[in-house]
Protein backbone atom coordinates (compact mmCIF):
# COMPACT_ATOMS: atom_id res chain seq x y z
CA UNK A 1 -17.81 -10.66 7.24
CA UNK A 2 -15.08 -9.41 9.62
CA UNK A 3 -11.38 -9.72 8.81
CA UNK A 4 -8.39 -8.40 10.79
CA UNK A 5 -6.59 -7.07 7.71
CA UNK A 6 -3.46 -5.92 9.51
CA UNK A 7 -2.88 -9.26 11.25
CA UNK A 8 -3.66 -11.28 8.10
CA UNK A 9 -1.38 -9.25 5.91
CA UNK A 10 1.51 -9.52 8.48
CA UNK A 11 1.02 -13.24 8.76
CA UNK A 12 0.15 -14.29 5.16
CA UNK A 13 1.77 -11.39 3.25
CA UNK A 14 -1.62 -10.35 1.79
CA UNK A 15 -5.32 -10.33 2.61
CA UNK A 16 -8.38 -9.93 0.39
CA UNK A 17 -12.11 -9.67 0.85
CA UNK A 18 -13.71 -12.51 -1.22
CA UNK A 19 -15.77 -10.95 -4.10
CA UNK A 20 -14.28 -7.47 -3.71
CA UNK A 21 -12.07 -6.86 -6.72
CA UNK A 22 -9.24 -4.33 -6.66
CA UNK A 23 -8.97 -4.07 -2.82
CA UNK A 24 -6.31 -5.82 -0.78
CA UNK A 25 -3.94 -5.32 2.07
CA UNK A 26 -0.32 -6.44 1.97
CA UNK A 27 2.97 -6.41 3.78
CA UNK A 28 5.52 -4.28 1.84
CA UNK A 29 9.13 -5.19 2.64
CA UNK A 30 10.95 -4.34 -0.62
CA UNK A 31 10.65 -1.39 -3.01
CA UNK A 32 7.98 -1.87 -5.71
CA UNK A 33 7.51 -0.30 -9.13
CA UNK A 34 3.76 0.41 -9.78
CA UNK A 35 2.34 1.37 -13.23
CA UNK A 36 -1.47 1.57 -12.55
CA UNK A 37 -3.42 4.12 -10.49
CA UNK A 38 -3.80 3.19 -6.78
CA UNK A 39 -5.22 4.55 -3.56
CA UNK A 40 -3.00 3.68 -0.56
CA UNK A 41 -3.70 3.85 3.13
CA UNK A 42 -0.80 3.03 5.52
CA UNK A 43 -2.06 0.75 8.24
CA UNK A 44 1.31 0.20 9.84
CA UNK A 45 4.86 1.51 9.16
CA UNK A 46 6.13 4.28 6.85
CA UNK A 47 6.69 4.40 3.01
CA UNK A 48 8.26 6.80 0.60
CA UNK A 49 6.70 7.22 -2.72
CA UNK A 50 8.91 8.42 -5.61
CA UNK A 51 7.01 10.27 -8.36
CA UNK A 52 7.90 10.73 -11.94
CA UNK A 53 8.59 14.54 -11.55
CA UNK A 54 11.40 13.63 -9.02
CA UNK A 55 9.31 14.66 -6.01
CA UNK A 56 8.20 12.26 -3.28
CA UNK A 57 5.61 11.59 -0.71
CA UNK A 58 6.35 10.35 2.85
CA UNK A 59 3.35 8.52 4.23
CA UNK A 60 3.01 7.43 7.90
CA UNK A 61 0.50 5.21 9.68
CA UNK A 62 -3.06 6.52 9.05
CA UNK A 63 -2.08 8.66 6.00
CA UNK A 64 -3.43 8.09 2.56
CA UNK A 65 -2.58 9.02 -1.03
CA UNK A 66 -4.13 8.56 -4.43
CA UNK A 67 -1.58 8.19 -7.25
CA UNK A 68 -2.57 8.25 -10.91
CA UNK A 69 0.86 8.12 -12.49
CA UNK A 70 3.55 5.40 -12.35
CA UNK A 71 5.58 5.49 -9.13
CA UNK A 72 7.83 3.57 -6.83
CA UNK A 73 6.86 2.82 -3.37
CA UNK A 74 9.55 1.95 -0.81
CA UNK A 75 9.03 0.89 2.84
CA UNK A 76 11.18 2.59 5.51
CA UNK A 77 10.46 -0.49 7.64
CA UNK A 78 8.10 -3.39 7.00
CA UNK A 79 4.77 -1.71 6.29
CA UNK A 80 1.19 -2.87 5.88
CA UNK A 81 -0.83 -1.05 3.19
CA UNK A 82 -4.51 -1.10 2.22
CA UNK A 83 -4.68 -0.66 -1.50
CA UNK A 84 -7.47 0.03 -4.02
CA UNK A 85 -6.55 -0.44 -7.63
CA UNK A 86 -8.71 2.25 -9.32
């Protein structure tokens, strides 16, 4: 099966592979508080991730991060992310 995840996420807000639990792409336009571990890959745009220790990560297109602790993710501009809930 072939899916254009970036295009689908931009058009529909989210895209998933049927039968593949825990993986999705989505269009992030507003800050989001996340409690569970996630692996992110930025497909388009830029995001800032605020961490509990008051540090942050700045992720750009093509960069990835695995976060185990609760965090807030904020888009700098509308961004498309690939996410694995681990």
